[in-house]
Protein backbone atom coordinates (compact mmCIF):
# COMPACT_ATOMS: atom_id res chain seq x y z
CA MET A 1 17.91 -252.01 19.62
CA TRP A 2 19.16 -248.81 18.12
CA LEU A 3 21.80 -246.95 20.07
CA LEU A 4 22.56 -243.37 19.17
CA THR A 5 25.51 -242.39 21.32
CA THR A 6 28.12 -239.67 21.50
CA ILE A 7 30.61 -242.15 20.01
CA GLY A 8 28.48 -243.62 17.22
CA PHE A 9 25.29 -245.23 15.98
CA PHE A 10 24.66 -248.95 16.41
CA SER A 11 21.96 -251.51 15.77
CA VAL A 12 22.13 -254.46 18.14
CA VAL A 13 20.24 -257.67 17.39
CA GLN A 14 20.29 -261.37 18.12
CA LYS A 15 20.34 -263.29 14.87
CA ARG A 16 18.20 -266.41 14.61
CA GLY A 17 20.11 -269.47 15.74
CA GLU A 18 22.88 -267.50 17.47
CA SER A 19 23.38 -267.21 21.22
CA GLY A 20 25.20 -263.87 21.20
CA LEU A 21 24.46 -260.43 19.82
CA THR A 22 25.44 -258.80 16.55
CA VAL A 23 26.45 -255.15 16.80
CA ARG A 24 25.97 -253.45 13.43
CA ALA A 25 27.18 -250.05 12.27
CA ARG A 26 27.15 -247.91 9.16
CA ALA A 27 30.66 -246.60 9.88
CA ALA A 28 33.57 -248.86 10.83
CA SER A 29 35.02 -246.07 12.96
CA ASP A 30 31.91 -246.20 15.19
CA LEU A 31 32.64 -249.85 16.02
CA ASP A 32 36.28 -248.96 16.67
CA ARG A 33 35.26 -246.25 19.15
CA LEU A 34 32.75 -248.59 20.82
CA ARG A 35 35.40 -251.26 21.24
CA GLU A 36 37.96 -248.75 22.51
CA LYS A 37 35.71 -246.92 24.98
CA TYR A 38 33.15 -249.42 26.29
CA LEU A 39 33.14 -252.87 24.74
CA PRO A 40 36.61 -254.31 24.13
CA GLU A 41 34.90 -257.71 23.89
CA VAL A 42 33.26 -256.86 20.54
CA SER A 43 34.84 -259.09 17.92
CA ALA A 44 36.99 -257.67 15.16
CA THR A 45 34.97 -255.70 12.63
CA ILE A 46 33.51 -257.83 9.88
CA PRO A 47 33.14 -255.69 6.73
CA ASN A 48 30.47 -256.24 4.08
CA ALA A 49 28.77 -258.92 6.17
CA GLY A 50 25.17 -257.85 5.69
CA THR A 51 22.65 -256.12 3.55
CA ASP A 52 21.81 -252.93 5.43
CA TYR A 53 24.74 -252.35 7.81
CA PRO A 54 28.16 -252.76 6.19
CA PHE A 55 30.11 -253.30 9.43
CA ARG A 56 29.44 -255.81 12.18
CA GLY A 57 30.87 -257.40 15.27
CA THR A 58 29.65 -259.92 17.82
CA ILE A 59 29.48 -259.94 21.62
CA THR A 60 27.83 -261.90 24.43
CA HIS A 61 24.73 -260.56 26.18
CA THR A 62 26.63 -260.31 29.47
CA ASP A 63 29.51 -258.30 28.02
CA PHE A 64 27.09 -256.03 26.16
CA ALA A 65 25.11 -255.35 29.34
CA ARG A 66 28.34 -254.47 31.18
CA GLY A 67 29.24 -252.02 28.41
CA LEU A 68 25.80 -250.38 28.58
CA ALA A 69 26.30 -249.81 32.30
CA LYS A 70 29.62 -248.07 31.54
CA MET A 71 27.89 -245.89 28.94
CA GLY A 72 25.25 -244.87 31.45
CA GLY A 73 27.92 -243.96 33.96
CA ASP A 74 29.52 -241.60 31.44
CA ILE A 75 26.47 -239.41 30.85
CA HIS A 76 27.49 -236.02 32.23
CA TYR A 77 26.17 -233.66 29.55
CA GLU A 78 23.03 -231.55 29.33
CA ASN A 79 22.41 -231.87 25.59
CA PHE A 80 23.01 -235.08 23.62
CA LYS A 81 23.27 -233.52 20.14
CA SER A 82 25.73 -230.87 21.34
CA GLU A 83 27.90 -233.49 23.04
CA GLY A 84 27.81 -235.61 19.90
CA ALA A 85 28.99 -232.62 17.90
CA ARG A 86 31.79 -231.97 20.37
CA LYS A 87 32.99 -235.58 20.21
CA MET A 88 32.30 -236.47 16.56
CA GLY A 89 31.84 -233.20 14.69
CA ARG A 90 29.13 -231.10 13.10
CA LYS A 91 28.42 -233.57 10.30
CA ARG A 92 27.39 -236.26 12.78
CA GLU A 93 25.38 -233.71 14.75
CA ALA A 94 23.43 -232.89 11.58
CA VAL A 95 22.62 -236.57 11.04
CA TYR A 96 21.48 -236.98 14.66
CA GLU A 97 19.36 -233.82 14.30
CA LYS A 98 17.50 -235.48 11.40
CA VAL A 99 16.82 -238.56 13.53
CA TRP A 100 15.63 -236.35 16.41
CA SER A 101 13.33 -234.49 14.04
CA ALA A 102 11.85 -237.69 12.61
CA LEU A 103 11.22 -239.05 16.10
CA PHE A 104 9.55 -235.79 17.11
CA GLU A 105 6.48 -237.10 15.26
CA LEU A 106 5.95 -239.61 18.08
CA GLU A 107 4.66 -236.78 20.28
CA ASN A 108 1.48 -236.70 18.23
CA GLU A 109 0.55 -240.36 18.71
């Protein structure tokens, strides 16, 4: 699962042979914000632990689901990209805009 949020970008997967989830990020600060705001149960950040996402942490399915519910409860904005810019700056907004633009192609399927 990819999560683009107003506090960061995450890829969440269950690795083969593991019972919990791995939360991966491209920026360590994203994991810090996630832990601080919604998921204090995410393990300490593990740097350089993978090939495509340099920062990772682990969490149980139950704790992750609880955090997602908290995230949903905090949606009080009309425009995601604008709120991301307000919380994380224009540089992150520009990155999210590129993702939005790439996903726009799905409308033609």
